[in-house]
PDB file of all heavy atoms in Angstrom:
ATOM      1  N   SER A   1     100.571  90.869  92.573  1.00  0.00           N
ATOM      2  CA  SER A   1     101.808  91.347  93.200  1.00  0.00           C
ATOM      3  C   SER A   1     102.229  90.297  94.290  1.00  0.00           C
ATOM      4  O   SER A   1     103.420  89.980  94.390  1.00  0.00           O
ATOM      5  CB  SER A   1     101.620  92.640  93.908  1.00  0.00           C
ATOM      6  OG  SER A   1     102.766  93.235  94.316  1.00  0.00           O
ATOM      7  N   GLN A   2     101.308  89.729  94.999  1.00  0.00           N
ATOM      8  CA  GLN A   2     101.684  88.769  95.999  1.00  0.00           C
ATOM      9  C   GLN A   2     102.355  87.534  95.425  1.00  0.00           C
ATOM     10  O   GLN A   2     103.153  86.953  96.006  1.00  0.00           O
ATOM     11  CB  GLN A   2     100.408  88.273  96.771  1.00  0.00           C
ATOM     12  CG  GLN A   2     100.625  87.277  97.894  1.00  0.00           C
ATOM     13  CD  GLN A   2      99.302  86.783  98.405  1.00  0.00           C
ATOM     14  OE1 GLN A   2      98.257  87.306  98.140  1.00  0.00           O
ATOM     15  NE2 GLN A   2      99.416  85.810  99.303  1.00  0.00           N
ATOM     16  N   HIS A   3     101.924  87.190  94.163  1.00  0.00           N
ATOM     17  CA  HIS A   3     102.408  85.950  93.549  1.00  0.00           C
ATOM     18  C   HIS A   3     103.605  86.335  92.579  1.00  0.00           C
ATOM     19  O   HIS A   3     103.968  85.549  91.753  1.00  0.00           O
ATOM     20  CB  HIS A   3     101.392  85.330  92.697  1.00  0.00           C
ATOM     21  CG  HIS A   3     100.318  84.622  93.586  1.00  0.00           C
ATOM     22  ND1 HIS A   3     100.591  83.443  94.129  1.00  0.00           N
ATOM     23  CD2 HIS A   3      99.092  85.023  93.927  1.00  0.00           C
ATOM     24  CE1 HIS A   3      99.465  83.025  94.909  1.00  0.00           C
ATOM     25  NE2 HIS A   3      98.608  83.971  94.740  1.00  0.00           N
ATOM     26  N   THR A   4     104.213  87.463  92.839  1.00  0.00           N
ATOM     27  CA  THR A   4     105.405  87.848  92.079  1.00  0.00           C
ATOM     28  C   THR A   4     106.517  88.197  93.036  1.00  0.00           C
ATOM     29  O   THR A   4     106.651  89.374  93.460  1.00  0.00           O
ATOM     30  CB  THR A   4     105.181  89.053  91.087  1.00  0.00           C
ATOM     31  OG1 THR A   4     103.971  88.720  90.259  1.00  0.00           O
ATOM     32  CG2 THR A   4     106.321  89.369  90.164  1.00  0.00           C
ATOM     33  N   LEU A   5     107.323  87.260  93.418  1.00  0.00           N
ATOM     34  CA  LEU A   5     108.308  87.442  94.504  1.00  0.00           C
ATOM     35  C   LEU A   5     109.655  87.961  93.901  1.00  0.00           C
ATOM     36  O   LEU A   5     110.436  88.547  94.635  1.00  0.00           O
ATOM     37  CB  LEU A   5     108.529  86.154  95.193  1.00  0.00           C
ATOM     38  CG  LEU A   5     107.262  85.550  95.894  1.00  0.00           C
ATOM     39  CD1 LEU A   5     107.643  84.240  96.583  1.00  0.00           C
ATOM     40  CD2 LEU A   5     106.783  86.538  96.860  1.00  0.00           C
ATOM     41  N   GLU A   6     109.873  87.697  92.613  1.00  0.00           N
ATOM     42  CA  GLU A   6     111.120  88.216  92.061  1.00  0.00           C
ATOM     43  C   GLU A   6     110.956  88.323  90.588  1.00  0.00           C
ATOM     44  O   GLU A   6     110.258  87.628  89.917  1.00  0.00           O
ATOM     45  CB  GLU A   6     112.305  87.217  92.351  1.00  0.00           C
ATOM     46  CG  GLU A   6     112.090  85.812  91.852  1.00  0.00           C
ATOM     47  CD  GLU A   6     113.342  84.882  92.063  1.00  0.00           C
ATOM     48  OE1 GLU A   6     114.353  85.492  92.375  1.00  0.00           O
ATOM     49  OE2 GLU A   6     113.173  83.725  92.022  1.00  0.00           O
ATOM     50  N   ALA A   7     111.663  89.360  90.029  1.00  0.00           N
ATOM     51  CA  ALA A   7     111.618  89.608  88.573  1.00  0.00           C
ATOM     52  C   ALA A   7     112.740  90.684  88.203  1.00  0.00           C
ATOM     53  O   ALA A   7     112.989  91.491  89.115  1.00  0.00           O
ATOM     54  CB  ALA A   7     110.251  90.082  88.052  1.00  0.00           C
ATOM     55  N   ASP A   8     113.351  90.541  87.109  1.00  0.00           N
ATOM     56  CA  ASP A   8     114.283  91.577  86.704  1.00  0.00           C
ATOM     57  C   ASP A   8     113.637  92.716  86.091  1.00  0.00           C
ATOM     58  O   ASP A   8     114.171  93.842  86.036  1.00  0.00           O
ATOM     59  CB  ASP A   8     115.353  90.956  85.721  1.00  0.00           C
ATOM     60  CG  ASP A   8     116.167  89.907  86.409  1.00  0.00           C
ATOM     61  OD1 ASP A   8     116.819  90.185  87.362  1.00  0.00           O
ATOM     62  OD2 ASP A   8     116.070  88.725  85.952  1.00  0.00           O
ATOM     63  N   VAL A   9     112.440  92.573  85.500  1.00  0.00           N
ATOM     64  CA  VAL A   9     111.632  93.588  84.953  1.00  0.00           C
ATOM     65  C   VAL A   9     110.187  93.234  85.003  1.00  0.00           C
ATOM     66  O   VAL A   9     109.767  92.070  84.915  1.00  0.00           O
ATOM     67  CB  VAL A   9     112.142  93.861  83.439  1.00  0.00           C
ATOM     68  CG1 VAL A   9     111.866  92.612  82.630  1.00  0.00           C
ATOM     69  CG2 VAL A   9     111.445  95.141  82.888  1.00  0.00           C
ATOM     70  N   ILE A  10     109.300  94.245  85.244  1.00  0.00           N
ATOM     71  CA  ILE A  10     107.880  94.011  85.317  1.00  0.00           C
ATOM     72  C   ILE A  10     107.240  94.816  84.146  1.00  0.00           C
ATOM     73  O   ILE A  10     107.496  95.965  83.921  1.00  0.00           O
ATOM     74  CB  ILE A  10     107.294  94.529  86.720  1.00  0.00           C
ATOM     75  CG1 ILE A  10     108.041  93.830  87.819  1.00  0.00           C
ATOM     76  CG2 ILE A  10     105.779  94.411  86.680  1.00  0.00           C
ATOM     77  CD1 ILE A  10     108.222  94.773  89.039  1.00  0.00           C
ATOM     78  N   HIS A  11     106.515  94.109  83.347  1.00  0.00           N
ATOM     79  CA  HIS A  11     105.991  94.668  82.126  1.00  0.00           C
ATOM     80  C   HIS A  11     104.424  94.494  82.179  1.00  0.00           C
ATOM     81  O   HIS A  11     103.878  93.378  82.110  1.00  0.00           O
ATOM     82  CB  HIS A  11     106.500  93.880  80.954  1.00  0.00           C
ATOM     83  CG  HIS A  11     106.152  94.479  79.595  1.00  0.00           C
ATOM     84  ND1 HIS A  11     106.640  94.081  78.370  1.00  0.00           N
ATOM     85  CD2 HIS A  11     105.390  95.632  79.254  1.00  0.00           C
ATOM     86  CE1 HIS A  11     106.129  94.774  77.462  1.00  0.00           C
ATOM     87  NE2 HIS A  11     105.301  95.670  77.870  1.00  0.00           N
ATOM     88  N   CYS A  12     103.711  95.624  82.274  1.00  0.00           N
ATOM     89  CA  CYS A  12     102.224  95.622  82.368  1.00  0.00           C
ATOM     90  C   CYS A  12     101.560  95.979  81.112  1.00  0.00           C
ATOM     91  O   CYS A  12     101.999  96.876  80.325  1.00  0.00           O
ATOM     92  CB  CYS A  12     101.841  96.699  83.488  1.00  0.00           C
ATOM     93  SG  CYS A  12     102.154  96.187  85.085  1.00  0.00           S
ATOM     94  N   HIS A  13     100.358  95.412  80.874  1.00  0.00           N
ATOM     95  CA  HIS A  13      99.597  95.663  79.682  1.00  0.00           C
ATOM     96  C   HIS A  13      98.161  96.050  80.060  1.00  0.00           C
ATOM     97  O   HIS A  13      97.460  95.254  80.785  1.00  0.00           O
ATOM     98  CB  HIS A  13      99.566  94.449  78.793  1.00  0.00           C
ATOM     99  CG  HIS A  13     100.942  94.016  78.256  1.00  0.00           C
ATOM    100  ND1 HIS A  13     101.317  94.372  76.968  1.00  0.00           N
ATOM    101  CD2 HIS A  13     101.993  93.386  78.816  1.00  0.00           C
ATOM    102  CE1 HIS A  13     102.592  93.938  76.842  1.00  0.00           C
ATOM    103  NE2 HIS A  13     102.968  93.317  77.925  1.00  0.00           N
ATOM    104  N   THR A  14      97.777  97.250  79.840  1.00  0.00           N
ATOM    105  CA  THR A  14      96.501  97.886  80.106  1.00  0.00           C
ATOM    106  C   THR A  14      96.357  98.290  81.559  1.00  0.00           C
ATOM    107  O   THR A  14      96.931  97.636  82.435  1.00  0.00           O
ATOM    108  CB  THR A  14      95.318  97.084  79.640  1.00  0.00           C
ATOM    109  OG1 THR A  14      95.022  96.006  80.555  1.00  0.00           O
ATOM    110  CG2 THR A  14      95.469  96.590  78.241  1.00  0.00           C
ATOM    111  N   TRP A  15      95.492  99.254  81.826  1.00  0.00           N
ATOM    112  CA  TRP A  15      95.398  99.807  83.240  1.00  0.00           C
ATOM    113  C   TRP A  15      94.873  98.711  84.193  1.00  0.00           C
ATOM    114  O   TRP A  15      95.140  98.906  85.418  1.00  0.00           O
ATOM    115  CB  TRP A  15      94.401 100.947  83.227  1.00  0.00           C
ATOM    116  CG  TRP A  15      92.919 100.439  83.049  1.00  0.00           C
ATOM    117  CD1 TRP A  15      92.252 100.300  81.949  1.00  0.00           C
ATOM    118  CD2 TRP A  15      92.038 100.064  84.163  1.00  0.00           C
ATOM    119  NE1 TRP A  15      90.890  99.854  82.192  1.00  0.00           N
ATOM    120  CE2 TRP A  15      90.781  99.769  83.551  1.00  0.00           C
ATOM    121  CE3 TRP A  15      92.166 100.049  85.538  1.00  0.00           C
ATOM    122  CZ2 TRP A  15      89.758  99.313  84.350  1.00  0.00           C
ATOM    123  CZ3 TRP A  15      91.065  99.611  86.297  1.00  0.00           C
ATOM    124  CH2 TRP A  15      89.827  99.252  85.657  1.00  0.00           C
ATOM    125  N   TYR A  16      94.317  97.663  83.763  1.00  0.00           N
ATOM    126  CA  TYR A  16      93.779  96.621  84.634  1.00  0.00           C
ATOM    127  C   TYR A  16      94.852  96.125  85.542  1.00  0.00           C
ATOM    128  O   TYR A  16      94.494  95.525  86.663  1.00  0.00           O
ATOM    129  CB  TYR A  16      93.180  95.482  83.806  1.00  0.00           C
ATOM    130  CG  TYR A  16      91.826  95.828  83.141  1.00  0.00           C
ATOM    131  CD1 TYR A  16      91.771  96.135  81.760  1.00  0.00           C
ATOM    132  CD2 TYR A  16      90.702  95.729  83.854  1.00  0.00           C
ATOM    133  CE1 TYR A  16      90.614  96.425  81.151  1.00  0.00           C
ATOM    134  CE2 TYR A  16      89.447  95.929  83.251  1.00  0.00           C
ATOM    135  CZ  TYR A  16      89.361  96.316  81.906  1.00  0.00           C
ATOM    136  OH  TYR A  16      88.184  96.568  81.307  1.00  0.00           O
ATOM    137  N   THR A  17      96.163  96.120  85.157  1.00  0.00           N
ATOM    138  CA  THR A  17      97.209  95.567  85.963  1.00  0.00           C
ATOM    139  C   THR A  17      98.181  96.557  86.429  1.00  0.00           C
ATOM    140  O   THR A  17      99.216  96.189  86.971  1.00  0.00           O
ATOM    141  CB  THR A  17      97.935  94.442  85.118  1.00  0.00           C
ATOM    142  OG1 THR A  17      98.605  95.028  84.074  1.00  0.00           O
ATOM    143  CG2 THR A  17      96.965  93.384  84.672  1.00  0.00           C
ATOM    144  N   HIS A  18      97.861  97.848  86.183  1.00  0.00           N
ATOM    145  CA  HIS A  18      98.920  98.804  86.529  1.00  0.00           C
ATOM    146  C   HIS A  18      99.168  98.961  88.002  1.00  0.00           C
ATOM    147  O   HIS A  18     100.358  99.156  88.427  1.00  0.00           O
ATOM    148  CB  HIS A  18      98.434 100.256  86.019  1.00  0.00           C
ATOM    149  CG  HIS A  18      98.620 100.430  84.568  1.00  0.00           C
ATOM    150  ND1 HIS A  18      98.231 101.475  83.861  1.00  0.00           N
ATOM    151  CD2 HIS A  18      99.241  99.606  83.613  1.00  0.00           C
ATOM    152  CE1 HIS A  18      98.562 101.420  82.600  1.00  0.00           C
ATOM    153  NE2 HIS A  18      99.162 100.226  82.402  1.00  0.00           N
ATOM    154  N   LEU A  19      98.235  98.790  88.877  1.00  0.00           N
ATOM    155  CA  LEU A  19      98.433  98.864  90.253  1.00  0.00           C
ATOM    156  C   LEU A  19      99.284  97.695  90.700  1.00  0.00           C
ATOM    157  O   LEU A  19     100.276  97.858  91.539  1.00  0.00           O
ATOM    158  CB  LEU A  19      97.092  98.759  91.071  1.00  0.00           C
ATOM    159  CG  LEU A  19      96.464 100.024  91.462  1.00  0.00           C
ATOM    160  CD1 LEU A  19      95.201  99.856  92.228  1.00  0.00           C
ATOM    161  CD2 LEU A  19      97.355 101.039  92.021  1.00  0.00           C
ATOM    162  N   ALA A  20      99.160  96.508  90.135  1.00  0.00           N
ATOM    163  CA  ALA A  20     100.016  95.361  90.516  1.00  0.00           C
ATOM    164  C   ALA A  20     101.479  95.712  90.033  1.00  0.00           C
ATOM    165  O   ALA A  20     102.412  95.325  90.780  1.00  0.00           O
ATOM    166  CB  ALA A  20      99.537  94.072  89.746  1.00  0.00           C
ATOM    167  N   GLY A  21     101.660  96.329  88.957  1.00  0.00           N
ATOM    168  CA  GLY A  21     102.948  96.781  88.518  1.00  0.00           C
ATOM    169  C   GLY A  21     103.612  97.740  89.460  1.00  0.00           C
ATOM    170  O   GLY A  21     104.817  97.628  89.802  1.00  0.00           O
ATOM    171  N   ILE A  22     102.852  98.704  89.961  1.00  0.00           N
ATOM    172  CA  ILE A  22     103.405  99.733  90.874  1.00  0.00           C
ATOM    173  C   ILE A  22     103.747  99.041  92.137  1.00  0.00           C
ATOM    174  O   ILE A  22     104.818  99.348  92.724  1.00  0.00           O
ATOM    175  CB  ILE A  22     102.310 100.838  91.126  1.00  0.00           C
ATOM    176  CG1 ILE A  22     102.023 101.565  89.813  1.00  0.00           C
ATOM    177  CG2 ILE A  22     102.781 101.747  92.255  1.00  0.00           C
ATOM    178  CD1 ILE A  22     100.913 102.596  89.966  1.00  0.00           C
ATOM    179  N   PHE A  23     102.879  98.159  92.743  1.00  0.00           N
ATOM    180  CA  PHE A  23     103.196  97.456  93.945  1.00  0.00           C
ATOM    181  C   PHE A  23     104.462  96.593  93.813  1.00  0.00           C
ATOM    182  O   PHE A  23     105.382  96.678  94.609  1.00  0.00           O
ATOM    183  CB  PHE A  23     102.067  96.492  94.370  1.00  0.00           C
ATOM    184  CG  PHE A  23     100.769  97.192  94.598  1.00  0.00           C
ATOM    185  CD1 PHE A  23      99.581  96.502  94.533  1.00  0.00           C
ATOM    186  CD2 PHE A  23     100.701  98.537  95.069  1.00  0.00           C
ATOM    187  CE1 PHE A  23      98.366  97.110  94.884  1.00  0.00           C
ATOM    188  CE2 PHE A  23      99.510  99.136  95.409  1.00  0.00           C
ATOM    189  CZ  PHE A  23      98.321  98.413  95.222  1.00  0.00           C
ATOM    190  N   SER A  24     104.540  95.919  92.681  1.00  0.00           N
ATOM    191  CA  SER A  24     105.711  94.940  92.527  1.00  0.00           C
ATOM    192  C   SER A  24     107.043  95.761  92.307  1.00  0.00           C
ATOM    193  O   SER A  24     108.072  95.296  92.665  1.00  0.00           O
ATOM    194  CB  SER A  24     105.403  94.033  91.381  1.00  0.00           C
ATOM    195  OG  SER A  24     104.338  93.111  91.715  1.00  0.00           O
ATOM    196  N   ARG A  25     106.887  96.879  91.587  1.00  0.00           N
ATOM    197  CA  ARG A  25     108.151  97.655  91.396  1.00  0.00           C
ATOM    198  C   ARG A  25     108.740  97.976  92.681  1.00  0.00           C
ATOM    199  O   ARG A  25     109.965  97.995  92.913  1.00  0.00           O
ATOM    200  CB  ARG A  25     107.749  98.983  90.636  1.00  0.00           C
ATOM    201  CG  ARG A  25     108.941  99.892  90.370  1.00  0.00           C
ATOM    202  CD  ARG A  25     108.459 101.227  89.754  1.00  0.00           C
ATOM    203  NE  ARG A  25     109.679 102.038  89.411  1.00  0.00           N
ATOM    204  CZ  ARG A  25     110.284 102.915  90.282  1.00  0.00           C
ATOM    205  NH1 ARG A  25     109.811 102.994  91.514  1.00  0.00           N
ATOM    206  NH2 ARG A  25     111.249 103.598  89.839  1.00  0.00           N
ATOM    207  N   GLU A  26     107.974  98.427  93.693  1.00  0.00           N
ATOM    208  CA  GLU A  26     108.473  98.831  94.998  1.00  0.00           C
ATOM    209  C   GLU A  26     108.891  97.584  95.801  1.00  0.00           C
ATOM    210  O   GLU A  26     109.970  97.678  96.463  1.00  0.00           O
ATOM    211  CB  GLU A  26     107.407  99.589  95.706  1.00  0.00           C
ATOM    212  CG  GLU A  26     106.907 100.900  95.071  1.00  0.00           C
ATOM    213  CD  GLU A  26     108.086 101.759  94.628  1.00  0.00           C
ATOM    214  OE1 GLU A  26     109.052 101.893  95.361  1.00  0.00           O
ATOM    215  OE2 GLU A  26     107.991 102.350  93.509  1.00  0.00           O
ATOM    216  N   LEU A  27     108.152  96.539  95.722  1.00  0.00           N
ATOM    217  CA  LEU A  27     108.418  95.312  96.618  1.00  0.00           C
ATOM    218  C   LEU A  27     109.582  94.512  96.052  1.00  0.00           C
ATOM    219  O   LEU A  27     110.404  94.048  96.842  1.00  0.00           O
ATOM    220  CB  LEU A  27     107.150  94.430  96.717  1.00  0.00           C
ATOM    221  CG  LEU A  27     105.979  95.126  97.380  1.00  0.00           C
ATOM    222  CD1 LEU A  27     104.783  94.194  97.189  1.00  0.00           C
ATOM    223  CD2 LEU A  27     106.248  95.241  98.937  1.00  0.00           C
ATOM    224  N   VAL A  28     109.698  94.387  94.695  1.00  0.00           N
ATOM    225  CA  VAL A  28     110.742  93.641  94.082  1.00  0.00           C
ATOM    226  C   VAL A  28     111.976  94.460  93.783  1.00  0.00           C
ATOM    227  O   VAL A  28     113.097  93.983  93.634  1.00  0.00           O
ATOM    228  CB  VAL A  28     110.272  92.865  92.850  1.00  0.00           C
ATOM    229  CG1 VAL A  28     111.228  92.095  92.160  1.00  0.00           C
ATOM    230  CG2 VAL A  28     109.004  92.083  93.238  1.00  0.00           C
ATOM    231  N   GLN A  29     111.794  95.707  93.755  1.00  0.00           N
ATOM    232  CA  GLN A  29     112.845  96.703  93.426  1.00  0.00           C
ATOM    233  C   GLN A  29     113.428  96.402  92.018  1.00  0.00           C
ATOM    234  O   GLN A  29     114.547  96.281  91.810  1.00  0.00           O
ATOM    235  CB  GLN A  29     113.973  96.740  94.479  1.00  0.00           C
ATOM    236  CG  GLN A  29     113.567  97.488  95.717  1.00  0.00           C
ATOM    237  CD  GLN A  29     113.413  99.028  95.479  1.00  0.00           C
ATOM    238  OE1 GLN A  29     114.318  99.723  95.190  1.00  0.00           O
ATOM    239  NE2 GLN A  29     112.128  99.430  95.569  1.00  0.00           N
ATOM    240  N   SER A  30     112.499  96.363  91.015  1.00  0.00           N
ATOM    241  CA  SER A  30     112.839  96.147  89.611  1.00  0.00           C
ATOM    242  C   SER A  30     112.071  97.210  88.788  1.00  0.00           C
ATOM    243  O   SER A  30     110.952  97.629  89.220  1.00  0.00           O
ATOM    244  CB  SER A  30     112.479  94.754  89.147  1.00  0.00           C
ATOM    245  OG  SER A  30     113.385  93.814  89.832  1.00  0.00           O
ATOM    246  N   PRO A  31     112.548  97.501  87.620  1.00  0.00           N
ATOM    247  CA  PRO A  31     111.937  98.523  86.867  1.00  0.00           C
ATOM    248  C   PRO A  31     110.574  98.120  86.282  1.00  0.00           C
ATOM    249  O   PRO A  31     110.322  96.894  86.012  1.00  0.00           O
ATOM    250  CB  PRO A  31     112.916  98.875  85.719  1.00  0.00           C
ATOM    251  CG  PRO A  31     113.728  97.563  85.665  1.00  0.00           C
ATOM    252  CD  PRO A  31     113.818  97.083  86.999  1.00  0.00           C
ATOM    253  N   LEU A  32     109.703  99.128  86.131  1.00  0.00           N
ATOM    254  CA  LEU A  32     108.353  98.911  85.620  1.00  0.00           C
ATOM    255  C   LEU A  32     108.292  99.483  84.167  1.00  0.00           C
ATOM    256  O   LEU A  32     108.521 100.633  83.910  1.00  0.00           O
ATOM    257  CB  LEU A  32     107.282  99.611  86.505  1.00  0.00           C
ATOM    258  CG  LEU A  32     105.886  99.681  86.038  1.00  0.00           C
ATOM    259  CD1 LEU A  32     105.277  98.306  85.873  1.00  0.00           C
ATOM    260  CD2 LEU A  32     104.955 100.467  86.946  1.00  0.00           C
ATOM    261  N   ILE A  33     107.768  98.634  83.254  1.00  0.00           N
ATOM    262  CA  ILE A  33     107.552  99.042  81.880  1.00  0.00           C
ATOM    263  C   ILE A  33     106.001  98.877  81.566  1.00  0.00           C
ATOM    264  O   ILE A  33     105.445  97.780  81.865  1.00  0.00           O
ATOM    265  CB  ILE A  33     108.405  98.260  80.920  1.00  0.00           C
ATOM    266  CG1 ILE A  33     109.864  98.612  81.132  1.00  0.00           C
ATOM    267  CG2 ILE A  33     107.998  98.500  79.472  1.00  0.00           C
ATOM    268  CD1 ILE A  33     110.872  97.769  80.312  1.00  0.00           C
ATOM    269  N   LEU A  34     105.468  99.896  80.920  1.00  0.00           N
ATOM    270  CA  LEU A  34     104.069  99.821  80.484  1.00  0.00           C
ATOM    271  C   LEU A  34     104.010  99.805  78.991  1.00  0.00           C
ATOM    272  O   LEU A  34     104.750 100.553  78.313  1.00  0.00           O
ATOM    273  CB  LEU A  34     103.263 100.996  81.009  1.00  0.00           C
ATOM    274  CG  LEU A  34     103.386 101.344  82.480  1.00  0.00           C
ATOM    275  CD1 LEU A  34     102.536 102.540  82.808  1.00  0.00           C
ATOM    276  CD2 LEU A  34     102.861 100.153  83.303  1.00  0.00           C
ATOM    277  N   THR A  35     103.112  99.028  78.379  1.00  0.00           N
ATOM    278  CA  THR A  35     102.775  99.234  77.010  1.00  0.00           C
ATOM    279  C   THR A  35     101.452  99.799  76.834  1.00  0.00           C
ATOM    280  O   THR A  35     100.481  99.462  77.451  1.00  0.00           O
ATOM    281  CB  THR A  35     102.734  97.771  76.250  1.00  0.00           C
ATOM    282  OG1 THR A  35     104.072  97.231  76.219  1.00  0.00           O
ATOM    283  CG2 THR A  35     102.140  97.834  74.886  1.00  0.00           C
ATOM    284  N   THR A  36     101.456 100.803  76.029  1.00  0.00           N
ATOM    285  CA  THR A  36     100.210 101.682  75.829  1.00  0.00           C
ATOM    286  C   THR A  36      99.364 101.047  74.668  1.00  0.00           C
ATOM    287  O   THR A  36      99.579 101.345  73.526  1.00  0.00           O
ATOM    288  CB  THR A  36     100.582 103.175  75.432  1.00  0.00           C
ATOM    289  OG1 THR A  36     101.323 103.195  74.259  1.00  0.00           O
ATOM    290  CG2 THR A  36     101.309 103.802  76.512  1.00  0.00           C
ATOM    291  N   HIS A  37      98.453 100.256  75.037  1.00  0.00           N
ATOM    292  CA  HIS A  37      97.540  99.618  74.051  1.00  0.00           C
ATOM    293  C   HIS A  37      96.359 100.734  73.821  1.00  0.00           C
ATOM    294  O   HIS A  37      95.740 100.617  72.781  1.00  0.00           O
ATOM    295  CB  HIS A  37      96.912  98.356  74.516  1.00  0.00           C
ATOM    296  CG  HIS A  37      97.964  97.262  74.718  1.00  0.00           C
ATOM    297  ND1 HIS A  37      98.484  96.519  73.634  1.00  0.00           N
ATOM    298  CD2 HIS A  37      98.656  96.832  75.755  1.00  0.00           C
ATOM    299  CE1 HIS A  37      99.345  95.666  74.028  1.00  0.00           C
ATOM    300  NE2 HIS A  37      99.468  95.860  75.372  1.00  0.00           N
ATOM    301  N   SER A  38      96.033 101.496  74.781  1.00  0.00           N
ATOM    302  CA  SER A  38      95.061 102.580  74.716  1.00  0.00           C
ATOM    303  C   SER A  38      95.240 103.460  75.949  1.00  0.00           C
ATOM    304  O   SER A  38      95.979 103.143  76.869  1.00  0.00           O
ATOM    305  CB  SER A  38      93.633 101.967  74.669  1.00  0.00           C
ATOM    306  OG  SER A  38      93.380 101.183  75.839  1.00  0.00           O
ATOM    307  N   LEU A  39      94.500 104.551  76.016  1.00  0.00           N
ATOM    308  CA  LEU A  39      94.543 105.355  77.117  1.00  0.00           C
ATOM    309  C   LEU A  39      93.124 105.644  77.632  1.00  0.00           C
ATOM    310  O   LEU A  39      92.243 106.030  76.877  1.00  0.00           O
ATOM    311  CB  LEU A  39      95.188 106.767  76.779  1.00  0.00           C
ATOM    312  CG  LEU A  39      96.671 106.707  76.462  1.00  0.00           C
ATOM    313  CD1 LEU A  39      97.135 108.076  76.011  1.00  0.00           C
ATOM    314  CD2 LEU A  39      97.488 106.311  77.602  1.00  0.00           C
ATOM    315  N   GLU A  40      92.980 105.454  78.983  1.00  0.00           N
ATOM    316  CA  GLU A  40      91.599 105.684  79.554  1.00  0.00           C
ATOM    317  C   GLU A  40      91.080 107.091  79.319  1.00  0.00           C
ATOM    318  O   GLU A  40      89.971 107.287  79.121  1.00  0.00           O
ATOM    319  CB  GLU A  40      91.679 105.288  81.093  1.00  0.00           C
ATOM    320  CG  GLU A  40      91.802 103.878  81.363  1.00  0.00           C
ATOM    321  CD  GLU A  40      90.606 103.042  80.807  1.00  0.00           C
ATOM    322  OE1 GLU A  40      89.565 103.022  81.436  1.00  0.00           O
ATOM    323  OE2 GLU A  40      90.814 102.370  79.753  1.00  0.00           O
ATOM    324  N   THR A  41      91.960 108.066  79.443  1.00  0.00           N
ATOM    325  CA  THR A  41      91.527 109.488  79.292  1.00  0.00           C
ATOM    326  C   THR A  41      90.967 109.780  77.930  1.00  0.00           C
ATOM    327  O   THR A  41      90.196 110.686  77.746  1.00  0.00           O
ATOM    328  CB  THR A  41      92.719 110.373  79.571  1.00  0.00           C
ATOM    329  OG1 THR A  41      92.265 111.732  79.626  1.00  0.00           O
ATOM    330  CG2 THR A  41      93.790 110.312  78.483  1.00  0.00           C
ATOM    331  N   HIS A  42      91.255 108.847  76.962  1.00  0.00           N
ATOM    332  CA  HIS A  42      90.697 109.065  75.564  1.00  0.00           C
ATOM    333  C   HIS A  42      89.468 108.143  75.347  1.00  0.00           C
ATOM    334  O   HIS A  42      89.031 108.112  74.253  1.00  0.00           O
ATOM    335  CB  HIS A  42      91.730 108.714  74.579  1.00  0.00           C
ATOM    336  CG  HIS A  42      92.843 109.734  74.365  1.00  0.00           C
ATOM    337  ND1 HIS A  42      93.987 109.558  73.718  1.00  0.00           N
ATOM    338  CD2 HIS A  42      92.889 110.988  74.913  1.00  0.00           C
ATOM    339  CE1 HIS A  42      94.730 110.647  73.719  1.00  0.00           C
ATOM    340  NE2 HIS A  42      94.067 111.524  74.408  1.00  0.00           N
ATOM    341  N   ARG A  43      88.972 107.531  76.427  1.00  0.00           N
ATOM    342  CA  ARG A  43      87.826 106.592  76.245  1.00  0.00           C
ATOM    343  C   ARG A  43      86.698 106.976  77.233  1.00  0.00           C
ATOM    344  O   ARG A  43      86.309 106.083  78.026  1.00  0.00           O
ATOM    345  CB  ARG A  43      88.258 105.174  76.360  1.00  0.00           C
ATOM    346  CG  ARG A  43      89.429 104.833  75.453  1.00  0.00           C
ATOM    347  CD  ARG A  43      89.492 103.299  75.167  1.00  0.00           C
ATOM    348  NE  ARG A  43      89.945 102.627  76.429  1.00  0.00           N
ATOM    349  CZ  ARG A  43      90.031 101.297  76.452  1.00  0.00           C
ATOM    350  NH1 ARG A  43      89.691 100.482  75.516  1.00  0.00           N
ATOM    351  NH2 ARG A  43      90.524 100.698  77.571  1.00  0.00           N
TER     352      ARG A  43
END
């Protein structure tokens, strides 16, 4: 998140980066999109 100062859209892949996506969504004020490669609750 610290190294993402601007973006029109933030696209996260897997839970490993989801917190970075949440942080950057608020700091950059751009939409967050997630791709569901799997779900932790099912593993």
